[in-house]
Structure formats: structure tokens, C-alpha cells
Amino acid sequence: MTRRIACLHTAASNIALFDAACPPGVALTHAVRADLLAEAEALGGLTDAIAVRTAEAVEALAAPGIEAVLLTCSTLGPALAQARAAIPLLRADAALAEAARRGGGRVVALCAVETTLAPTAALFGAACETRLVPGAWAAFRAGDAAGYARMVAAAADAAFAEGADCVALAQASMAPAAALCRRGPPLTSPAASLAALV
């Protein structure tokens, strides 16, 4: 029997990343609300008003036939605490943090956008080092997906070289960088979150 999971994204490019990570027996539906992240970036982070609208968008996806809703944006992740539904609601980055904790050892979480730093640090906890990849988000925003992935992969390789036992790519958009890493496979939120739901 196929499980139907709805995903709320803030970048349309994340649809392909989650589809690629989707395990057998799962069907994904997607909604994109780029406006929510754009507003959070403009205001320097998640505000109460944006959190309310994010929670409403998540609740709207909890339609008949949908078995779970996945919020894939790290910046908006804390807003999920306000959402109410009769089905499981999951932050993609929460599943990523749990996977990183299970691995043990020294964990480094990489972020590309500054608005993700605080929610990622809060989620992963004090035992994890949270780092920003300088210039990466500007490349992503400019449409340079290849350059973005290379920057993230270089940062992940550097973290492994410095002794990290686990490197987590905190934003879903960073997932393509995993294939470019040479010093170890980083954890990605599309794979971790879908595995958590199935």
C-alpha cells in the first residue's frame, strides 16, 4: 500500500531532491511557498506572523488521503510547533538532527543561509558545531547550482578533515553536494526525513 506524504518547500528546486530520495511505496505531493522564506530573509529570521502563515500552510496540506506532512525549510522549521493536524507533522531538519545524534561523535552542521543558523543550532544542540558556508547562498540565489554544491562539498570535506565524525547538510537544497564530497558522506535532510517517515 502506497503511503502519501505532502511536502511544503520554500524552493521549487527541492521537489526534485525529495523525489530522488523517495523510497519505494511512498508517493510525494509538493507545495512551494517561496514567499515565506523570502520574507523571513528580508526580516532577518522567522517572525511570529510568518510562523502563523507557515503553520496554516502545513495544516492545509493535511488533506484526506495524506498520511504525513513534511516541512522541508530549516528557517521555517520552528513554526511547525504551532501547526495542528490529526496526522504526523515533521521538520526535515529534525529528522536530520536525530540521524546525526544516532551516529555519535563530533557533529558539524552546515548552513548556507544565515536565517537557518539559529534554528539549526537550537535543534542540533550545544554538542554540535553549526557553521555557515560563506557565499553559498548568494550562489544559490544567483542560479549557480553547481557552484553552490561545490562550496558546500568543500566545506563538508574541510569539516571531515578537521576531525568531524558526522557532517549534516542542514538545508535540503544542499543535498546535491553530498555526491561531490571526497572525505566522507554527509547526512542530507531529504534522505533522513523520508527515512524517518517510513
C-alpha atoms as a PDB file:
ATOM      1  CA  MET A   1       0.000   0.000   0.000  1.00  0.00           C
ATOM      2  CA  THR A   2       1.402   3.386  -1.011  1.00  0.00           C
ATOM      3  CA  ARG A   3       1.960   5.996   1.694  1.00  0.00           C
ATOM      4  CA  ARG A   4       1.145   9.533   0.630  1.00  0.00           C
ATOM      5  CA  ILE A   5       3.279  12.303   2.131  1.00  0.00           C
ATOM      6  CA  ALA A   6       2.874  16.019   1.426  1.00  0.00           C
ATOM      7  CA  CYS A   7       5.947  18.269   1.391  1.00  0.00           C
ATOM      8  CA  LEU A   8       5.993  22.017   1.964  1.00  0.00           C
ATOM      9  CA  HIS A   9       9.038  23.614   0.321  1.00  0.00           C
ATOM     10  CA  THR A  10      10.306  27.166   0.010  1.00  0.00           C
ATOM     11  CA  ALA A  11      12.351  26.447  -3.126  1.00  0.00           C
ATOM     12  CA  ALA A  12      10.918  24.679  -6.167  1.00  0.00           C
ATOM     13  CA  SER A  13      14.293  23.046  -6.808  1.00  0.00           C
ATOM     14  CA  ASN A  14      13.812  20.959  -3.651  1.00  0.00           C
ATOM     15  CA  ILE A  15      10.994  18.995  -5.287  1.00  0.00           C
ATOM     16  CA  ALA A  16      13.429  17.003  -7.411  1.00  0.00           C
ATOM     17  CA  LEU A  17      15.701  16.370  -4.411  1.00  0.00           C
ATOM     18  CA  PHE A  18      12.904  14.815  -2.368  1.00  0.00           C
ATOM     19  CA  ASP A  19      11.553  12.864  -5.324  1.00  0.00           C
ATOM     20  CA  ALA A  20      15.043  11.436  -5.872  1.00  0.00           C
ATOM     21  CA  ALA A  21      15.298  10.399  -2.206  1.00  0.00           C
ATOM     22  CA  CYS A  22      11.766   8.970  -2.071  1.00  0.00           C
ATOM     23  CA  PRO A  23      11.762   5.287  -1.053  1.00  0.00           C
ATOM     24  CA  PRO A  24       9.580   2.630  -2.703  1.00  0.00           C
ATOM     25  CA  GLY A  25       6.000   2.546  -1.507  1.00  0.00           C
ATOM     26  CA  VAL A  26       5.847   6.294  -0.893  1.00  0.00           C
ATOM     27  CA  ALA A  27       4.168   8.922  -3.090  1.00  0.00           C
ATOM     28  CA  LEU A  28       5.019  12.578  -2.533  1.00  0.00           C
ATOM     29  CA  THR A  29       2.932  15.642  -3.270  1.00  0.00           C
ATOM     30  CA  HIS A  30       4.526  19.059  -3.194  1.00  0.00           C
ATOM     31  CA  ALA A  31       3.617  22.653  -2.398  1.00  0.00           C
ATOM     32  CA  VAL A  32       6.030  25.580  -2.713  1.00  0.00           C
ATOM     33  CA  ARG A  33       5.833  28.783  -0.638  1.00  0.00           C
ATOM     34  CA  ALA A  34       8.953  30.714  -1.606  1.00  0.00           C
ATOM     35  CA  ASP A  35       7.318  33.872  -0.255  1.00  0.00           C
ATOM     36  CA  LEU A  36       7.613  32.663   3.329  1.00  0.00           C
ATOM     37  CA  LEU A  37      11.382  32.219   3.174  1.00  0.00           C
ATOM     38  CA  ALA A  38      11.863  35.419   1.192  1.00  0.00           C
ATOM     39  CA  GLU A  39      10.024  37.372   3.875  1.00  0.00           C
ATOM     40  CA  ALA A  40      11.990  35.671   6.666  1.00  0.00           C
ATOM     41  CA  GLU A  41      15.250  36.541   4.933  1.00  0.00           C
ATOM     42  CA  ALA A  42      14.162  40.151   4.477  1.00  0.00           C
ATOM     43  CA  LEU A  43      13.241  40.440   8.163  1.00  0.00           C
ATOM     44  CA  GLY A  44      16.319  38.636   9.461  1.00  0.00           C
ATOM     45  CA  GLY A  45      14.602  35.434  10.533  1.00  0.00           C
ATOM     46  CA  LEU A  46      11.329  33.763  11.404  1.00  0.00           C
ATOM     47  CA  THR A  47       8.764  36.162  12.882  1.00  0.00           C
ATOM     48  CA  ASP A  48       5.549  35.291  14.711  1.00  0.00           C
ATOM     49  CA  ALA A  49       3.471  36.342  11.699  1.00  0.00           C
ATOM     50  CA  ILE A  50       5.483  34.196   9.291  1.00  0.00           C
ATOM     51  CA  ALA A  51       5.298  31.272  11.713  1.00  0.00           C
ATOM     52  CA  VAL A  52       1.496  31.525  11.792  1.00  0.00           C
ATOM     53  CA  ARG A  53       1.255  31.551   7.991  1.00  0.00           C
ATOM     54  CA  THR A  54       3.682  28.634   7.763  1.00  0.00           C
ATOM     55  CA  ALA A  55       1.624  26.615  10.245  1.00  0.00           C
ATOM     56  CA  GLU A  56      -1.519  27.373   8.231  1.00  0.00           C
ATOM     57  CA  ALA A  57       0.201  26.230   5.028  1.00  0.00           C
ATOM     58  CA  VAL A  58       1.243  22.975   6.704  1.00  0.00           C
ATOM     59  CA  GLU A  59      -2.265  22.377   8.055  1.00  0.00           C
ATOM     60  CA  ALA A  60      -3.737  22.974   4.595  1.00  0.00           C
ATOM     61  CA  LEU A  61      -1.667  20.089   3.233  1.00  0.00           C
ATOM     62  CA  ALA A  62      -3.071  17.645   5.802  1.00  0.00           C
ATOM     63  CA  ALA A  63      -5.872  16.688   3.429  1.00  0.00           C
ATOM     64  CA  PRO A  64      -7.770  13.386   3.258  1.00  0.00           C
ATOM     65  CA  GLY A  65      -5.501  10.634   1.955  1.00  0.00           C
ATOM     66  CA  ILE A  66      -2.310  12.332   3.146  1.00  0.00           C
ATOM     67  CA  GLU A  67      -0.598  10.364   5.929  1.00  0.00           C
ATOM     68  CA  ALA A  68       2.074  12.879   6.952  1.00  0.00           C
ATOM     69  CA  VAL A  69       3.278  16.405   6.152  1.00  0.00           C
ATOM     70  CA  LEU A  70       6.957  17.267   5.878  1.00  0.00           C
ATOM     71  CA  LEU A  71       8.203  20.850   6.269  1.00  0.00           C
ATOM     72  CA  THR A  72      11.475  20.977   4.358  1.00  0.00           C
ATOM     73  CA  CYS A  73      12.689  24.521   5.127  1.00  0.00           C
ATOM     74  CA  SER A  74      15.152  24.851   8.018  1.00  0.00           C
ATOM     75  CA  THR A  75      14.496  28.561   8.526  1.00  0.00           C
ATOM     76  CA  LEU A  76      10.753  27.973   8.941  1.00  0.00           C
ATOM     77  CA  GLY A  77      11.126  24.725  10.883  1.00  0.00           C
ATOM     78  CA  PRO A  78      10.252  26.115  14.334  1.00  0.00           C
ATOM     79  CA  ALA A  79       6.849  27.175  13.002  1.00  0.00           C
ATOM     80  CA  LEU A  80       5.796  23.541  12.884  1.00  0.00           C
ATOM     81  CA  ALA A  81       5.272  23.653  16.664  1.00  0.00           C
ATOM     82  CA  GLN A  82       2.203  25.833  16.012  1.00  0.00           C
ATOM     83  CA  ALA A  83       0.621  23.545  13.419  1.00  0.00           C
ATOM     84  CA  ARG A  84      -2.169  21.175  14.406  1.00  0.00           C
ATOM     85  CA  ALA A  85      -3.289  18.143  12.429  1.00  0.00           C
ATOM     86  CA  ALA A  86      -4.512  14.607  13.017  1.00  0.00           C
ATOM     87  CA  ILE A  87      -1.561  13.185  11.093  1.00  0.00           C
ATOM     88  CA  PRO A  88       2.201  13.275  11.782  1.00  0.00           C
ATOM     89  CA  LEU A  89       3.947  16.569  11.028  1.00  0.00           C
ATOM     90  CA  LEU A  90       7.724  16.504  10.682  1.00  0.00           C
ATOM     91  CA  ARG A  91      10.533  19.001  10.213  1.00  0.00           C
ATOM     92  CA  ALA A  92      13.049  17.649   7.717  1.00  0.00           C
ATOM     93  CA  ASP A  93      15.887  19.133   9.743  1.00  0.00           C
ATOM     94  CA  ALA A  94      14.607  17.483  12.949  1.00  0.00           C
ATOM     95  CA  ALA A  95      14.950  14.075  11.318  1.00  0.00           C
ATOM     96  CA  LEU A  96      18.426  15.112  10.165  1.00  0.00           C
ATOM     97  CA  ALA A  97      19.431  16.125  13.694  1.00  0.00           C
ATOM     98  CA  GLU A  98      18.163  12.830  15.082  1.00  0.00           C
ATOM     99  CA  ALA A  99      20.153  10.881  12.478  1.00  0.00           C
ATOM    100  CA  ALA A 100      23.260  12.882  13.391  1.00  0.00           C
ATOM    101  CA  ARG A 101      22.774  12.168  17.109  1.00  0.00           C
ATOM    102  CA  ARG A 102      22.396   8.451  16.455  1.00  0.00           C
ATOM    103  CA  GLY A 103      25.763   8.449  14.695  1.00  0.00           C
ATOM    104  CA  GLY A 104      27.504   9.893  17.747  1.00  0.00           C
ATOM    105  CA  GLY A 105      30.891  11.550  17.838  1.00  0.00           C
ATOM    106  CA  ARG A 106      31.679  15.097  16.777  1.00  0.00           C
ATOM    107  CA  VAL A 107      28.917  16.599  14.622  1.00  0.00           C
ATOM    108  CA  VAL A 108      29.201  19.635  12.355  1.00  0.00           C
ATOM    109  CA  ALA A 109      26.025  21.054  10.802  1.00  0.00           C
ATOM    110  CA  LEU A 110      26.499  23.231   7.725  1.00  0.00           C
ATOM    111  CA  CYS A 111      24.099  26.024   6.785  1.00  0.00           C
ATOM    112  CA  ALA A 112      24.065  28.129   3.633  1.00  0.00           C
ATOM    113  CA  VAL A 113      21.759  30.944   4.718  1.00  0.00           C
ATOM    114  CA  GLU A 114      22.140  32.997   7.889  1.00  0.00           C
ATOM    115  CA  THR A 115      18.463  32.722   8.868  1.00  0.00           C
ATOM    116  CA  THR A 116      18.999  28.966   9.283  1.00  0.00           C
ATOM    117  CA  LEU A 117      21.870  29.248  11.766  1.00  0.00           C
ATOM    118  CA  ALA A 118      19.815  29.902  14.909  1.00  0.00           C
ATOM    119  CA  PRO A 119      17.097  27.273  14.332  1.00  0.00           C
ATOM    120  CA  THR A 120      19.727  24.713  13.342  1.00  0.00           C
ATOM    121  CA  ALA A 121      21.853  25.390  16.420  1.00  0.00           C
ATOM    122  CA  ALA A 122      18.784  25.135  18.654  1.00  0.00           C
ATOM    123  CA  LEU A 123      17.706  21.880  17.042  1.00  0.00           C
ATOM    124  CA  PHE A 124      21.076  20.122  16.978  1.00  0.00           C
ATOM    125  CA  GLY A 125      22.081  21.277  20.460  1.00  0.00           C
ATOM    126  CA  ALA A 126      25.252  22.502  22.093  1.00  0.00           C
ATOM    127  CA  ALA A 127      27.194  19.337  21.288  1.00  0.00           C
ATOM    128  CA  CYS A 128      27.040  20.181  17.592  1.00  0.00           C
ATOM    129  CA  GLU A 129      29.064  22.878  15.858  1.00  0.00           C
ATOM    130  CA  THR A 130      26.949  24.900  13.438  1.00  0.00           C
ATOM    131  CA  ARG A 131      28.784  26.613  10.578  1.00  0.00           C
ATOM    132  CA  LEU A 132      27.803  28.967   7.773  1.00  0.00           C
ATOM    133  CA  VAL A 133      29.206  28.265   4.301  1.00  0.00           C
ATOM    134  CA  PRO A 134      30.247  31.766   3.165  1.00  0.00           C
ATOM    135  CA  GLY A 135      28.974  32.844  -0.234  1.00  0.00           C
ATOM    136  CA  ALA A 136      26.984  29.667  -0.832  1.00  0.00           C
ATOM    137  CA  TRP A 137      23.513  31.190  -0.568  1.00  0.00           C
ATOM    138  CA  ALA A 138      24.443  34.032  -2.890  1.00  0.00           C
ATOM    139  CA  ALA A 139      25.447  31.427  -5.471  1.00  0.00           C
ATOM    140  CA  PHE A 140      22.184  29.554  -4.971  1.00  0.00           C
ATOM    141  CA  ARG A 141      20.143  32.738  -5.302  1.00  0.00           C
ATOM    142  CA  ALA A 142      22.063  33.624  -8.476  1.00  0.00           C
ATOM    143  CA  GLY A 143      21.095  30.281 -10.024  1.00  0.00           C
ATOM    144  CA  ASP A 144      24.595  28.802  -9.805  1.00  0.00           C
ATOM    145  CA  ALA A 145      23.555  25.378  -8.550  1.00  0.00           C
ATOM    146  CA  ALA A 146      26.867  23.776  -9.493  1.00  0.00           C
ATOM    147  CA  GLY A 147      28.890  26.430  -7.703  1.00  0.00           C
ATOM    148  CA  TYR A 148      26.610  26.174  -4.682  1.00  0.00           C
ATOM    149  CA  ALA A 149      27.117  22.417  -4.475  1.00  0.00           C
ATOM    150  CA  ARG A 150      30.886  22.763  -4.841  1.00  0.00           C
ATOM    151  CA  MET A 151      31.081  25.298  -1.996  1.00  0.00           C
ATOM    152  CA  VAL A 152      29.027  23.109   0.302  1.00  0.00           C
ATOM    153  CA  ALA A 153      31.033  20.000  -0.582  1.00  0.00           C
ATOM    154  CA  ALA A 154      34.291  21.840   0.093  1.00  0.00           C
ATOM    155  CA  ALA A 155      33.004  22.930   3.500  1.00  0.00           C
ATOM    156  CA  ALA A 156      31.900  19.372   4.305  1.00  0.00           C
ATOM    157  CA  ASP A 157      35.285  17.965   3.271  1.00  0.00           C
ATOM    158  CA  ALA A 158      37.012  20.589   5.416  1.00  0.00           C
ATOM    159  CA  ALA A 159      34.902  19.601   8.432  1.00  0.00           C
ATOM    160  CA  PHE A 160      35.738  15.928   7.937  1.00  0.00           C
ATOM    161  CA  ALA A 161      39.420  16.821   7.548  1.00  0.00           C
ATOM    162  CA  GLU A 162      39.279  18.678  10.868  1.00  0.00           C
ATOM    163  CA  GLY A 163      38.001  15.589  12.665  1.00  0.00           C
ATOM    164  CA  ALA A 164      34.234  15.672  12.367  1.00  0.00           C
ATOM    165  CA  ASP A 165      32.693  12.230  12.716  1.00  0.00           C
ATOM    166  CA  CYS A 166      29.447  13.386  11.119  1.00  0.00           C
ATOM    167  CA  VAL A 167      28.652  16.308   8.839  1.00  0.00           C
ATOM    168  CA  ALA A 168      25.000  17.240   8.377  1.00  0.00           C
ATOM    169  CA  LEU A 169      23.843  19.435   5.499  1.00  0.00           C
ATOM    170  CA  ALA A 170      21.184  21.404   7.350  1.00  0.00           C
ATOM    171  CA  GLN A 171      19.259  22.671   4.321  1.00  0.00           C
ATOM    172  CA  ALA A 172      17.533  20.425   1.817  1.00  0.00           C
ATOM    173  CA  SER A 173      18.944  22.442  -1.090  1.00  0.00           C
ATOM    174  CA  MET A 174      22.445  21.329  -0.066  1.00  0.00           C
ATOM    175  CA  ALA A 175      21.778  17.645  -0.816  1.00  0.00           C
ATOM    176  CA  PRO A 176      23.448  17.569  -4.273  1.00  0.00           C
ATOM    177  CA  ALA A 177      26.754  18.444  -2.591  1.00  0.00           C
ATOM    178  CA  ALA A 178      26.850  15.000  -0.964  1.00  0.00           C
ATOM    179  CA  ALA A 179      27.838  13.385  -4.263  1.00  0.00           C
ATOM    180  CA  LEU A 180      30.831  15.734  -4.530  1.00  0.00           C
ATOM    181  CA  CYS A 181      32.276  15.061  -1.077  1.00  0.00           C
ATOM    182  CA  ARG A 182      35.549  13.139  -1.043  1.00  0.00           C
ATOM    183  CA  ARG A 183      36.271  12.697   2.662  1.00  0.00           C
ATOM    184  CA  GLY A 184      33.021  11.130   3.754  1.00  0.00           C
ATOM    185  CA  PRO A 185      29.300  11.010   3.040  1.00  0.00           C
ATOM    186  CA  PRO A 186      27.425  13.826   4.791  1.00  0.00           C
ATOM    187  CA  LEU A 187      23.877  13.384   6.011  1.00  0.00           C
ATOM    188  CA  THR A 188      21.172  15.110   3.964  1.00  0.00           C
ATOM    189  CA  SER A 189      17.679  16.105   5.058  1.00  0.00           C
ATOM    190  CA  PRO A 190      15.741  14.609   2.103  1.00  0.00           C
ATOM    191  CA  ALA A 191      17.098  11.121   2.821  1.00  0.00           C
ATOM    192  CA  ALA A 192      16.949  11.434   6.618  1.00  0.00           C
ATOM    193  CA  SER A 193      13.430  12.849   6.788  1.00  0.00           C
ATOM    194  CA  LEU A 194      11.852  10.403   4.354  1.00  0.00           C
ATOM    195  CA  ALA A 195      13.539   7.507   6.119  1.00  0.00           C
ATOM    196  CA  ALA A 196      12.107   8.777   9.418  1.00  0.00           C
ATOM    197  CA  LEU A 197       8.593   8.836   7.992  1.00  0.00           C
ATOM    198  CA  VAL A 198       8.699   5.301   6.625  1.00  0.00           C
END
